[in-house]
């Protein structure tokens, strides 16, 4: 039986410091049929020369300009021939055997299109990390959260999420996907630029009948926030805008209308909270996100797929509000969410 060809692809933009820090662990990865690739988004630093001089085993593909995260990856992966793609952030440290356990899980079921390993915090490896943790989920209002991370609360990994599980979305920090399904869906949506593009892709895959898997038999360590800091208003803008866009793209038409209205109401409450806390740049970011979403609704509508499965029937959807659970009921850990394990 042949071993699938796997390409680890890191998208880089002026990331020499991160590459010098984390490429040494990546090149030590153990897998019998592996390509290591850095896709460069027209960096203005000397990161490309640095890679070619210090890591000759790593191939370098260069975009002609900075296309952002989503379109940058789309253009690079058009040039990569492999059975599996692993989209790996440049700020991720990996142990030697982090690839094969995930590929083995994906090979057992042709309906598994994408997957993630356990994603932990590089600064404190006892804790889960924000962008993926032990698998991504969505609540009834399309708020994303994770096993091991609800909003800003990170759980300590005590083995409580060591069961392999079908999830809603796989974290973009270490995103495994079969090439066939990547090409079937068209990859990432470039209009999202960055943030939630992996959730959108997973949602589109689920609407096509595919599964997203979490594999606890492998783990990686993500720094997080290396591209856009959590306190950056632009990140707030992208998160609020993109969440609405992916709802419009992926929800059935009847659900989309009222769920988006509900979600925008909740967002407005968040805007008021930012105002009361004196975070006026964040409040403006939410307002701008709503404006840009409404402005782009016709463009977004044209991207809707032929199939949208009713939201509640999708695996990985919490049937209640994670906002209510976290802020009103004080639930901090995923395991405390009732009727949802």
C-alpha atoms as a PDB file:
ATOM      1  CA  UNK A   1       0.000   0.000   0.000  1.00  0.00           C
ATOM      2  CA  UNK A   2       1.463   3.345  -1.041  1.00  0.00           C
ATOM      3  CA  UNK A   3       2.036   6.083   1.505  1.00  0.00           C
ATOM      4  CA  UNK A   4       0.136   9.296   0.694  1.00  0.00           C
ATOM      5  CA  UNK A   5       2.242  12.220  -0.415  1.00  0.00           C
ATOM      6  CA  UNK A   6       1.981  15.065   2.110  1.00  0.00           C
ATOM      7  CA  UNK A   7       3.013  18.696   1.597  1.00  0.00           C
ATOM      8  CA  UNK A   8       3.539  20.925   4.621  1.00  0.00           C
ATOM      9  CA  UNK A   9       3.040  24.458   3.301  1.00  0.00           C
ATOM     10  CA  UNK A  10       3.881  27.543   5.368  1.00  0.00           C
ATOM     11  CA  UNK A  11       2.725  30.925   4.105  1.00  0.00           C
ATOM     12  CA  UNK A  12       5.275  33.617   4.893  1.00  0.00           C
ATOM     13  CA  UNK A  13       5.301  37.384   4.780  1.00  0.00           C
ATOM     14  CA  UNK A  14       8.327  39.120   6.332  1.00  0.00           C
ATOM     15  CA  UNK A  15       8.597  36.284   8.818  1.00  0.00           C
ATOM     16  CA  UNK A  16      12.319  35.639   8.988  1.00  0.00           C
ATOM     17  CA  UNK A  17      12.333  35.728  12.795  1.00  0.00           C
ATOM     18  CA  UNK A  18       9.550  33.166  13.067  1.00  0.00           C
ATOM     19  CA  UNK A  19      11.073  30.948  10.381  1.00  0.00           C
ATOM     20  CA  UNK A  20      14.460  30.958  12.085  1.00  0.00           C
ATOM     21  CA  UNK A  21      12.750  29.994  15.319  1.00  0.00           C
ATOM     22  CA  UNK A  22      10.377  27.268  14.141  1.00  0.00           C
ATOM     23  CA  UNK A  23      11.689  25.804  10.857  1.00  0.00           C
ATOM     24  CA  UNK A  24      14.301  23.714  12.734  1.00  0.00           C
ATOM     25  CA  UNK A  25      11.544  21.670  14.394  1.00  0.00           C
ATOM     26  CA  UNK A  26       9.569  21.397  11.151  1.00  0.00           C
ATOM     27  CA  UNK A  27      12.488  20.009   9.135  1.00  0.00           C
ATOM     28  CA  UNK A  28      12.863  17.284  11.794  1.00  0.00           C
ATOM     29  CA  UNK A  29       9.329  16.045  11.028  1.00  0.00           C
ATOM     30  CA  UNK A  30       9.202  12.279  10.476  1.00  0.00           C
ATOM     31  CA  UNK A  31       7.000  11.120   7.618  1.00  0.00           C
ATOM     32  CA  UNK A  32       8.088   8.836   4.763  1.00  0.00           C
ATOM     33  CA  UNK A  33       6.608  10.820   1.843  1.00  0.00           C
ATOM     34  CA  UNK A  34       6.929  14.478   2.720  1.00  0.00           C
ATOM     35  CA  UNK A  35       7.457  17.830   1.014  1.00  0.00           C
ATOM     36  CA  UNK A  36       8.336  20.957   2.993  1.00  0.00           C
ATOM     37  CA  UNK A  37       7.376  24.204   1.267  1.00  0.00           C
ATOM     38  CA  UNK A  38       7.388  27.874   2.191  1.00  0.00           C
ATOM     39  CA  UNK A  39       5.066  29.986   0.097  1.00  0.00           C
ATOM     40  CA  UNK A  40       6.210  33.579   0.229  1.00  0.00           C
ATOM     41  CA  UNK A  41       3.751  36.464  -0.115  1.00  0.00           C
ATOM     42  CA  UNK A  42       6.267  38.883  -1.690  1.00  0.00           C
ATOM     43  CA  UNK A  43       8.211  39.567   1.506  1.00  0.00           C
ATOM     44  CA  UNK A  44      10.293  42.721   1.690  1.00  0.00           C
ATOM     45  CA  UNK A  45      12.714  41.253   4.231  1.00  0.00           C
ATOM     46  CA  UNK A  46      15.380  38.677   3.361  1.00  0.00           C
ATOM     47  CA  UNK A  47      13.388  35.663   4.545  1.00  0.00           C
ATOM     48  CA  UNK A  48      13.490  33.950   1.132  1.00  0.00           C
ATOM     49  CA  UNK A  49      17.289  34.169   0.931  1.00  0.00           C
ATOM     50  CA  UNK A  50      17.468  33.065   4.557  1.00  0.00           C
ATOM     51  CA  UNK A  51      15.474  29.893   3.834  1.00  0.00           C
ATOM     52  CA  UNK A  52      17.431  29.025   0.719  1.00  0.00           C
ATOM     53  CA  UNK A  53      20.759  29.497   2.511  1.00  0.00           C
ATOM     54  CA  UNK A  54      19.922  27.734   5.782  1.00  0.00           C
ATOM     55  CA  UNK A  55      17.213  25.202   4.892  1.00  0.00           C
ATOM     56  CA  UNK A  56      17.989  23.787   1.435  1.00  0.00           C
ATOM     57  CA  UNK A  57      15.593  20.881   2.093  1.00  0.00           C
ATOM     58  CA  UNK A  58      12.702  23.379   2.070  1.00  0.00           C
ATOM     59  CA  UNK A  59      11.277  24.429  -1.306  1.00  0.00           C
ATOM     60  CA  UNK A  60      10.337  28.085  -1.776  1.00  0.00           C
ATOM     61  CA  UNK A  61       7.479  29.307  -3.971  1.00  0.00           C
ATOM     62  CA  UNK A  62       7.046  33.067  -4.336  1.00  0.00           C
ATOM     63  CA  UNK A  63       3.875  35.060  -5.051  1.00  0.00           C
ATOM     64  CA  UNK A  64       4.279  38.253  -7.066  1.00  0.00           C
ATOM     65  CA  UNK A  65       2.574  40.325  -4.344  1.00  0.00           C
ATOM     66  CA  UNK A  66       1.052  40.017  -0.870  1.00  0.00           C
ATOM     67  CA  UNK A  67      -2.350  38.428  -1.453  1.00  0.00           C
ATOM     68  CA  UNK A  68      -3.233  37.991   2.215  1.00  0.00           C
ATOM     69  CA  UNK A  69      -3.647  34.649   3.942  1.00  0.00           C
ATOM     70  CA  UNK A  70      -6.500  33.164   1.929  1.00  0.00           C
ATOM     71  CA  UNK A  71      -5.586  34.085  -1.637  1.00  0.00           C
ATOM     72  CA  UNK A  72      -1.895  33.705  -0.823  1.00  0.00           C
ATOM     73  CA  UNK A  73      -2.446  30.050   0.017  1.00  0.00           C
ATOM     74  CA  UNK A  74      -4.732  29.510  -2.980  1.00  0.00           C
ATOM     75  CA  UNK A  75      -2.039  30.699  -5.371  1.00  0.00           C
ATOM     76  CA  UNK A  76       0.766  28.732  -3.744  1.00  0.00           C
ATOM     77  CA  UNK A  77      -1.183  25.454  -3.558  1.00  0.00           C
ATOM     78  CA  UNK A  78      -1.971  25.649  -7.270  1.00  0.00           C
ATOM     79  CA  UNK A  79       1.729  24.855  -7.699  1.00  0.00           C
ATOM     80  CA  UNK A  80       1.917  21.977  -5.199  1.00  0.00           C
ATOM     81  CA  UNK A  81       1.404  18.332  -6.211  1.00  0.00           C
ATOM     82  CA  UNK A  82       0.465  16.208  -3.182  1.00  0.00           C
ATOM     83  CA  UNK A  83      -2.327  13.960  -1.864  1.00  0.00           C
ATOM     84  CA  UNK A  84      -2.620  15.988   1.330  1.00  0.00           C
ATOM     85  CA  UNK A  85      -1.933  19.618   2.126  1.00  0.00           C
ATOM     86  CA  UNK A  86      -1.037  20.787   5.619  1.00  0.00           C
ATOM     87  CA  UNK A  87      -1.459  24.529   5.990  1.00  0.00           C
ATOM     88  CA  UNK A  88       0.907  25.308   8.853  1.00  0.00           C
ATOM     89  CA  UNK A  89       1.307  28.719  10.448  1.00  0.00           C
ATOM     90  CA  UNK A  90       4.840  30.071  10.620  1.00  0.00           C
ATOM     91  CA  UNK A  91       4.597  30.430  14.420  1.00  0.00           C
ATOM     92  CA  UNK A  92       4.074  26.722  15.151  1.00  0.00           C
ATOM     93  CA  UNK A  93       6.538  24.368  16.822  1.00  0.00           C
ATOM     94  CA  UNK A  94       6.087  20.677  16.046  1.00  0.00           C
ATOM     95  CA  UNK A  95       7.376  17.400  17.536  1.00  0.00           C
ATOM     96  CA  UNK A  96       8.820  14.816  15.169  1.00  0.00           C
ATOM     97  CA  UNK A  97       5.751  12.568  14.848  1.00  0.00           C
ATOM     98  CA  UNK A  98       2.914  15.060  14.353  1.00  0.00           C
ATOM     99  CA  UNK A  99       1.868  14.163  10.805  1.00  0.00           C
ATOM    100  CA  UNK A 100       1.349  10.403  10.543  1.00  0.00           C
ATOM    101  CA  UNK A 101      -1.323  10.010  13.286  1.00  0.00           C
ATOM    102  CA  UNK A 102      -3.556  12.570  11.561  1.00  0.00           C
ATOM    103  CA  UNK A 103      -3.041  11.092   8.092  1.00  0.00           C
ATOM    104  CA  UNK A 104      -3.860   7.612   9.446  1.00  0.00           C
ATOM    105  CA  UNK A 105      -7.181   8.878  10.811  1.00  0.00           C
ATOM    106  CA  UNK A 106      -8.024  10.623   7.529  1.00  0.00           C
ATOM    107  CA  UNK A 107      -7.124   7.530   5.485  1.00  0.00           C
ATOM    108  CA  UNK A 108      -9.632   5.385   7.408  1.00  0.00           C
ATOM    109  CA  UNK A 109     -12.651   7.276   6.058  1.00  0.00           C
ATOM    110  CA  UNK A 110     -13.028   8.795   2.613  1.00  0.00           C
ATOM    111  CA  UNK A 111     -15.665  11.203   3.988  1.00  0.00           C
ATOM    112  CA  UNK A 112     -13.088  12.879   6.259  1.00  0.00           C
ATOM    113  CA  UNK A 113     -11.928  15.829   4.189  1.00  0.00           C
ATOM    114  CA  UNK A 114     -10.049  17.908   6.767  1.00  0.00           C
ATOM    115  CA  UNK A 115      -8.593  17.447  10.231  1.00  0.00           C
ATOM    116  CA  UNK A 116      -6.442  18.961  12.939  1.00  0.00           C
ATOM    117  CA  UNK A 117      -4.107  17.677  15.655  1.00  0.00           C
ATOM    118  CA  UNK A 118      -4.339  18.867  19.248  1.00  0.00           C
ATOM    119  CA  UNK A 119      -3.211  22.503  19.237  1.00  0.00           C
ATOM    120  CA  UNK A 120      -1.542  23.756  22.406  1.00  0.00           C
ATOM    121  CA  UNK A 121       0.024  27.033  23.495  1.00  0.00           C
ATOM    122  CA  UNK A 122       3.709  27.269  22.687  1.00  0.00           C
ATOM    123  CA  UNK A 123       4.361  29.609  25.635  1.00  0.00           C
ATOM    124  CA  UNK A 124       2.788  27.150  28.097  1.00  0.00           C
ATOM    125  CA  UNK A 125       2.514  23.658  26.657  1.00  0.00           C
ATOM    126  CA  UNK A 126       0.250  22.507  29.465  1.00  0.00           C
ATOM    127  CA  UNK A 127      -2.573  24.657  28.060  1.00  0.00           C
ATOM    128  CA  UNK A 128      -4.687  24.512  24.945  1.00  0.00           C
ATOM    129  CA  UNK A 129      -4.254  27.283  22.406  1.00  0.00           C
ATOM    130  CA  UNK A 130      -6.857  29.762  21.239  1.00  0.00           C
ATOM    131  CA  UNK A 131      -6.845  28.915  17.513  1.00  0.00           C
ATOM    132  CA  UNK A 132      -8.048  25.330  17.452  1.00  0.00           C
ATOM    133  CA  UNK A 133      -7.363  23.704  20.836  1.00  0.00           C
ATOM    134  CA  UNK A 134      -9.041  20.252  20.765  1.00  0.00           C
ATOM    135  CA  UNK A 135     -11.320  21.014  17.832  1.00  0.00           C
ATOM    136  CA  UNK A 136     -13.613  23.786  16.676  1.00  0.00           C
ATOM    137  CA  UNK A 137     -17.367  24.050  17.271  1.00  0.00           C
ATOM    138  CA  UNK A 138     -20.153  26.578  16.668  1.00  0.00           C
ATOM    139  CA  UNK A 139     -23.079  27.687  18.824  1.00  0.00           C
ATOM    140  CA  UNK A 140     -26.663  28.319  17.730  1.00  0.00           C
ATOM    141  CA  UNK A 141     -25.761  31.894  16.698  1.00  0.00           C
ATOM    142  CA  UNK A 142     -22.630  30.830  14.772  1.00  0.00           C
ATOM    143  CA  UNK A 143     -20.146  31.938  17.442  1.00  0.00           C
ATOM    144  CA  UNK A 144     -17.034  29.759  17.097  1.00  0.00           C
ATOM    145  CA  UNK A 145     -15.391  28.159  20.120  1.00  0.00           C
ATOM    146  CA  UNK A 146     -13.251  25.120  20.895  1.00  0.00           C
ATOM    147  CA  UNK A 147     -12.942  22.135  23.141  1.00  0.00           C
ATOM    148  CA  UNK A 148     -10.403  23.570  25.519  1.00  0.00           C
ATOM    149  CA  UNK A 149     -11.084  27.253  24.717  1.00  0.00           C
ATOM    150  CA  UNK A 150     -14.271  29.233  25.140  1.00  0.00           C
ATOM    151  CA  UNK A 151     -13.744  32.900  24.272  1.00  0.00           C
ATOM    152  CA  UNK A 152     -10.496  33.906  26.051  1.00  0.00           C
ATOM    153  CA  UNK A 153     -10.446  31.112  28.638  1.00  0.00           C
ATOM    154  CA  UNK A 154      -7.791  28.467  27.924  1.00  0.00           C
ATOM    155  CA  UNK A 155      -8.080  25.126  29.694  1.00  0.00           C
ATOM    156  CA  UNK A 156      -5.149  23.082  30.959  1.00  0.00           C
ATOM    157  CA  UNK A 157      -4.735  19.832  29.036  1.00  0.00           C
ATOM    158  CA  UNK A 158      -5.296  17.021  31.514  1.00  0.00           C
ATOM    159  CA  UNK A 159      -6.237  14.473  28.873  1.00  0.00           C
ATOM    160  CA  UNK A 160      -9.909  15.402  29.114  1.00  0.00           C
ATOM    161  CA  UNK A 161     -10.192  15.732  25.320  1.00  0.00           C
ATOM    162  CA  UNK A 162      -8.103  12.777  24.220  1.00  0.00           C
ATOM    163  CA  UNK A 163     -10.931  11.150  22.276  1.00  0.00           C
ATOM    164  CA  UNK A 164     -10.943  11.345  18.488  1.00  0.00           C
ATOM    165  CA  UNK A 165     -14.063  13.216  17.453  1.00  0.00           C
ATOM    166  CA  UNK A 166     -15.924  14.704  14.523  1.00  0.00           C
ATOM    167  CA  UNK A 167     -15.862  18.497  14.902  1.00  0.00           C
ATOM    168  CA  UNK A 168     -17.312  21.504  13.086  1.00  0.00           C
ATOM    169  CA  UNK A 169     -14.069  23.217  12.063  1.00  0.00           C
ATOM    170  CA  UNK A 170     -10.353  22.497  12.158  1.00  0.00           C
ATOM    171  CA  UNK A 171      -7.925  25.145  13.372  1.00  0.00           C
ATOM    172  CA  UNK A 172      -6.034  27.009  10.688  1.00  0.00           C
ATOM    173  CA  UNK A 173      -2.735  26.901  12.602  1.00  0.00           C
ATOM    174  CA  UNK A 174      -2.235  23.263  11.534  1.00  0.00           C
ATOM    175  CA  UNK A 175      -4.920  22.486   8.969  1.00  0.00           C
ATOM    176  CA  UNK A 176      -4.860  19.088   7.215  1.00  0.00           C
ATOM    177  CA  UNK A 177      -6.942  18.710   4.041  1.00  0.00           C
ATOM    178  CA  UNK A 178      -7.118  16.241   1.186  1.00  0.00           C
ATOM    179  CA  UNK A 179      -6.147  17.792  -2.100  1.00  0.00           C
ATOM    180  CA  UNK A 180      -9.237  16.423  -3.841  1.00  0.00           C
ATOM    181  CA  UNK A 181     -11.586  18.275  -1.484  1.00  0.00           C
ATOM    182  CA  UNK A 182      -9.450  21.417  -1.529  1.00  0.00           C
ATOM    183  CA  UNK A 183      -9.862  21.564  -5.295  1.00  0.00           C
ATOM    184  CA  UNK A 184     -13.554  20.601  -5.126  1.00  0.00           C
ATOM    185  CA  UNK A 185     -14.331  23.576  -2.861  1.00  0.00           C
ATOM    186  CA  UNK A 186     -11.956  26.037  -4.543  1.00  0.00           C
ATOM    187  CA  UNK A 187      -9.844  26.478  -1.413  1.00  0.00           C
ATOM    188  CA  UNK A 188     -10.070  29.524   0.838  1.00  0.00           C
ATOM    189  CA  UNK A 189     -12.298  32.531   0.174  1.00  0.00           C
ATOM    190  CA  UNK A 190      -9.984  35.459  -0.680  1.00  0.00           C
ATOM    191  CA  UNK A 191     -12.635  38.031   0.234  1.00  0.00           C
ATOM    192  CA  UNK A 192     -12.220  37.010   3.877  1.00  0.00           C
ATOM    193  CA  UNK A 193      -8.512  38.020   3.647  1.00  0.00           C
ATOM    194  CA  UNK A 194      -7.728  36.501   7.066  1.00  0.00           C
ATOM    195  CA  UNK A 195      -9.627  35.078  10.077  1.00  0.00           C
ATOM    196  CA  UNK A 196     -12.397  32.475   9.909  1.00  0.00           C
ATOM    197  CA  UNK A 197     -11.423  31.399   6.405  1.00  0.00           C
ATOM    198  CA  UNK A 198     -10.802  27.878   7.751  1.00  0.00           C
ATOM    199  CA  UNK A 199     -14.257  27.847   9.396  1.00  0.00           C
ATOM    200  CA  UNK A 200     -15.842  28.871   6.104  1.00  0.00           C
ATOM    201  CA  UNK A 201     -13.977  26.129   4.245  1.00  0.00           C
ATOM    202  CA  UNK A 202     -14.983  23.491   6.814  1.00  0.00           C
ATOM    203  CA  UNK A 203     -18.611  24.640   6.703  1.00  0.00           C
ATOM    204  CA  UNK A 204     -18.636  24.361   2.914  1.00  0.00           C
ATOM    205  CA  UNK A 205     -17.155  20.868   3.196  1.00  0.00           C
ATOM    206  CA  UNK A 206     -19.840  19.852   5.697  1.00  0.00           C
ATOM    207  CA  UNK A 207     -22.567  21.169   3.392  1.00  0.00           C
ATOM    208  CA  UNK A 208     -21.143  18.813   0.757  1.00  0.00           C
ATOM    209  CA  UNK A 209     -21.480  15.880   3.156  1.00  0.00           C
ATOM    210  CA  UNK A 210     -17.858  15.617   4.301  1.00  0.00           C
ATOM    211  CA  UNK A 211     -16.569  15.286   7.857  1.00  0.00           C
ATOM    212  CA  UNK A 212     -13.980  17.269   9.829  1.00  0.00           C
ATOM    213  CA  UNK A 213     -11.903  15.308  12.343  1.00  0.00           C
ATOM    214  CA  UNK A 214      -9.925  15.981  15.505  1.00  0.00           C
ATOM    215  CA  UNK A 215      -6.930  13.708  16.101  1.00  0.00           C
ATOM    216  CA  UNK A 216      -5.614  13.744  19.694  1.00  0.00           C
ATOM    217  CA  UNK A 217      -2.775  11.367  18.806  1.00  0.00           C
ATOM    218  CA  UNK A 218      -0.708  14.291  17.519  1.00  0.00           C
ATOM    219  CA  UNK A 219      -0.130  17.759  18.902  1.00  0.00           C
ATOM    220  CA  UNK A 220       1.547  20.998  17.870  1.00  0.00           C
ATOM    221  CA  UNK A 221       2.427  24.196  19.734  1.00  0.00           C
ATOM    222  CA  UNK A 222       1.179  27.526  18.420  1.00  0.00           C
ATOM    223  CA  UNK A 223       2.397  30.949  19.541  1.00  0.00           C
ATOM    224  CA  UNK A 224      -0.720  32.745  18.246  1.00  0.00           C
ATOM    225  CA  UNK A 225      -1.284  36.421  17.510  1.00  0.00           C
ATOM    226  CA  UNK A 226       1.900  36.681  15.462  1.00  0.00           C
ATOM    227  CA  UNK A 227       0.126  38.273  12.490  1.00  0.00           C
ATOM    228  CA  UNK A 228      -2.566  40.384  14.148  1.00  0.00           C
ATOM    229  CA  UNK A 229      -2.576  40.979  17.899  1.00  0.00           C
ATOM    230  CA  UNK A 230      -5.813  40.336  19.792  1.00  0.00           C
ATOM    231  CA  UNK A 231      -5.946  44.036  20.727  1.00  0.00           C
ATOM    232  CA  UNK A 232      -5.809  45.129  17.090  1.00  0.00           C
ATOM    233  CA  UNK A 233      -9.074  46.806  15.939  1.00  0.00           C
ATOM    234  CA  UNK A 234      -8.533  45.409  12.442  1.00  0.00           C
ATOM    235  CA  UNK A 235      -8.705  41.898  13.878  1.00  0.00           C
ATOM    236  CA  UNK A 236     -11.994  42.832  15.577  1.00  0.00           C
ATOM    237  CA  UNK A 237     -13.286  44.134  12.230  1.00  0.00           C
ATOM    238  CA  UNK A 238     -12.300  40.958  10.385  1.00  0.00           C
ATOM    239  CA  UNK A 239     -13.802  38.641  13.000  1.00  0.00           C
ATOM    240  CA  UNK A 240     -17.172  40.432  13.121  1.00  0.00           C
ATOM    241  CA  UNK A 241     -17.428  40.966   9.347  1.00  0.00           C
ATOM    242  CA  UNK A 242     -16.224  37.514   8.364  1.00  0.00           C
ATOM    243  CA  UNK A 243     -18.541  35.760  10.797  1.00  0.00           C
ATOM    244  CA  UNK A 244     -21.540  37.403   9.110  1.00  0.00           C
ATOM    245  CA  UNK A 245     -20.201  36.612   5.637  1.00  0.00           C
ATOM    246  CA  UNK A 246     -19.774  32.903   6.353  1.00  0.00           C
ATOM    247  CA  UNK A 247     -23.276  32.760   7.841  1.00  0.00           C
ATOM    248  CA  UNK A 248     -24.742  34.219   4.662  1.00  0.00           C
ATOM    249  CA  UNK A 249     -22.699  31.856   2.488  1.00  0.00           C
ATOM    250  CA  UNK A 250     -23.424  28.650   4.322  1.00  0.00           C
ATOM    251  CA  UNK A 251     -26.778  28.788   6.115  1.00  0.00           C
ATOM    252  CA  UNK A 252     -29.983  27.723   4.324  1.00  0.00           C
ATOM    253  CA  UNK A 253     -31.720  30.828   2.988  1.00  0.00           C
ATOM    254  CA  UNK A 254     -34.584  30.756   5.473  1.00  0.00           C
ATOM    255  CA  UNK A 255     -32.262  30.366   8.441  1.00  0.00           C
ATOM    256  CA  UNK A 256     -29.770  32.925   7.178  1.00  0.00           C
ATOM    257  CA  UNK A 257     -32.222  35.838   7.251  1.00  0.00           C
ATOM    258  CA  UNK A 258     -33.257  35.573  10.897  1.00  0.00           C
ATOM    259  CA  UNK A 259     -30.002  34.191  12.264  1.00  0.00           C
ATOM    260  CA  UNK A 260     -28.017  37.059  10.735  1.00  0.00           C
ATOM    261  CA  UNK A 261     -30.517  39.572  12.163  1.00  0.00           C
ATOM    262  CA  UNK A 262     -30.149  37.931  15.584  1.00  0.00           C
ATOM    263  CA  UNK A 263     -26.386  37.902  15.280  1.00  0.00           C
ATOM    264  CA  UNK A 264     -26.182  41.583  14.315  1.00  0.00           C
ATOM    265  CA  UNK A 265     -28.288  42.417  17.378  1.00  0.00           C
ATOM    266  CA  UNK A 266     -25.840  40.537  19.593  1.00  0.00           C
ATOM    267  CA  UNK A 267     -22.962  42.315  17.846  1.00  0.00           C
ATOM    268  CA  UNK A 268     -24.603  45.672  18.602  1.00  0.00           C
ATOM    269  CA  UNK A 269     -24.673  44.763  22.292  1.00  0.00           C
ATOM    270  CA  UNK A 270     -20.938  44.021  22.025  1.00  0.00           C
ATOM    271  CA  UNK A 271     -20.462  47.433  20.372  1.00  0.00           C
ATOM    272  CA  UNK A 272     -22.201  49.109  23.320  1.00  0.00           C
ATOM    273  CA  UNK A 273     -19.977  47.200  25.729  1.00  0.00           C
ATOM    274  CA  UNK A 274     -16.898  48.486  23.910  1.00  0.00           C
ATOM    275  CA  UNK A 275     -18.242  52.038  24.197  1.00  0.00           C
ATOM    276  CA  UNK A 276     -18.910  51.656  27.939  1.00  0.00           C
ATOM    277  CA  UNK A 277     -15.356  50.361  28.426  1.00  0.00           C
ATOM    278  CA  UNK A 278     -13.903  53.270  26.446  1.00  0.00           C
ATOM    279  CA  UNK A 279     -12.729  51.004  23.626  1.00  0.00           C
ATOM    280  CA  UNK A 280     -13.957  53.327  20.906  1.00  0.00           C
ATOM    281  CA  UNK A 281     -11.687  51.902  18.177  1.00  0.00           C
ATOM    282  CA  UNK A 282     -13.214  48.476  18.757  1.00  0.00           C
ATOM    283  CA  UNK A 283     -16.743  49.926  18.653  1.00  0.00           C
ATOM    284  CA  UNK A 284     -15.953  51.600  15.333  1.00  0.00           C
ATOM    285  CA  UNK A 285     -14.518  48.311  14.069  1.00  0.00           C
ATOM    286  CA  UNK A 286     -17.818  46.516  14.780  1.00  0.00           C
ATOM    287  CA  UNK A 287     -19.770  49.290  13.066  1.00  0.00           C
ATOM    288  CA  UNK A 288     -17.459  49.131  10.047  1.00  0.00           C
ATOM    289  CA  UNK A 289     -17.809  45.340   9.943  1.00  0.00           C
ATOM    290  CA  UNK A 290     -21.594  45.603   9.727  1.00  0.00           C
ATOM    291  CA  UNK A 291     -21.388  48.279   7.047  1.00  0.00           C
ATOM    292  CA  UNK A 292     -18.965  46.262   4.917  1.00  0.00           C
ATOM    293  CA  UNK A 293     -21.056  43.111   5.343  1.00  0.00           C
ATOM    294  CA  UNK A 294     -24.249  44.822   4.165  1.00  0.00           C
ATOM    295  CA  UNK A 295     -22.378  46.459   1.292  1.00  0.00           C
ATOM    296  CA  UNK A 296     -21.040  43.105   0.075  1.00  0.00           C
ATOM    297  CA  UNK A 297     -24.220  41.022   0.451  1.00  0.00           C
ATOM    298  CA  UNK A 298     -24.851  40.641  -3.288  1.00  0.00           C
ATOM    299  CA  UNK A 299     -21.267  39.540  -3.858  1.00  0.00           C
ATOM    300  CA  UNK A 300     -21.496  37.081  -0.973  1.00  0.00           C
ATOM    301  CA  UNK A 301     -24.846  35.707  -2.173  1.00  0.00           C
ATOM    302  CA  UNK A 302     -23.249  34.752  -5.485  1.00  0.00           C
ATOM    303  CA  UNK A 303     -20.871  32.429  -3.593  1.00  0.00           C
ATOM    304  CA  UNK A 304     -23.566  30.328  -1.979  1.00  0.00           C
ATOM    305  CA  UNK A 305     -23.187  26.660  -2.802  1.00  0.00           C
ATOM    306  CA  UNK A 306     -25.899  24.483  -4.300  1.00  0.00           C
ATOM    307  CA  UNK A 307     -26.446  22.765  -0.939  1.00  0.00           C
ATOM    308  CA  UNK A 308     -26.898  24.191   2.534  1.00  0.00           C
ATOM    309  CA  UNK A 309     -27.700  21.607   5.205  1.00  0.00           C
ATOM    310  CA  UNK A 310     -29.953  22.844   8.056  1.00  0.00           C
ATOM    311  CA  UNK A 311     -27.585  24.194  10.686  1.00  0.00           C
ATOM    312  CA  UNK A 312     -28.877  22.128  13.612  1.00  0.00           C
ATOM    313  CA  UNK A 313     -28.262  18.900  11.670  1.00  0.00           C
ATOM    314  CA  UNK A 314     -24.541  19.560  11.314  1.00  0.00           C
ATOM    315  CA  UNK A 315     -22.199  17.792  13.720  1.00  0.00           C
ATOM    316  CA  UNK A 316     -20.423  20.177  16.080  1.00  0.00           C
ATOM    317  CA  UNK A 317     -23.234  22.710  16.590  1.00  0.00           C
ATOM    318  CA  UNK A 318     -24.034  23.585  20.219  1.00  0.00           C
ATOM    319  CA  UNK A 319     -27.845  23.941  20.333  1.00  0.00           C
ATOM    320  CA  UNK A 320     -27.783  26.890  22.727  1.00  0.00           C
ATOM    321  CA  UNK A 321     -25.848  30.162  23.147  1.00  0.00           C
ATOM    322  CA  UNK A 322     -22.215  29.909  24.193  1.00  0.00           C
ATOM    323  CA  UNK A 323     -22.345  33.673  24.883  1.00  0.00           C
ATOM    324  CA  UNK A 324     -25.092  33.112  27.460  1.00  0.00           C
ATOM    325  CA  UNK A 325     -23.283  30.089  28.908  1.00  0.00           C
ATOM    326  CA  UNK A 326     -19.987  31.962  29.306  1.00  0.00           C
ATOM    327  CA  UNK A 327     -20.995  35.484  30.317  1.00  0.00           C
ATOM    328  CA  UNK A 328     -24.239  34.828  32.218  1.00  0.00           C
ATOM    329  CA  UNK A 329     -23.918  31.291  33.607  1.00  0.00           C
ATOM    330  CA  UNK A 330     -20.159  31.501  34.169  1.00  0.00           C
ATOM    331  CA  UNK A 331     -19.312  28.341  32.224  1.00  0.00           C
ATOM    332  CA  UNK A 332     -15.639  28.424  31.275  1.00  0.00           C
ATOM    333  CA  UNK A 333     -14.876  24.837  30.270  1.00  0.00           C
ATOM    334  CA  UNK A 334     -16.223  22.934  27.279  1.00  0.00           C
ATOM    335  CA  UNK A 335     -16.969  19.890  29.452  1.00  0.00           C
ATOM    336  CA  UNK A 336     -19.483  21.959  31.442  1.00  0.00           C
ATOM    337  CA  UNK A 337     -21.750  22.499  28.436  1.00  0.00           C
ATOM    338  CA  UNK A 338     -24.752  20.233  29.044  1.00  0.00           C
ATOM    339  CA  UNK A 339     -26.118  17.862  26.412  1.00  0.00           C
ATOM    340  CA  UNK A 340     -23.146  18.579  24.204  1.00  0.00           C
ATOM    341  CA  UNK A 341     -20.052  16.421  24.427  1.00  0.00           C
END
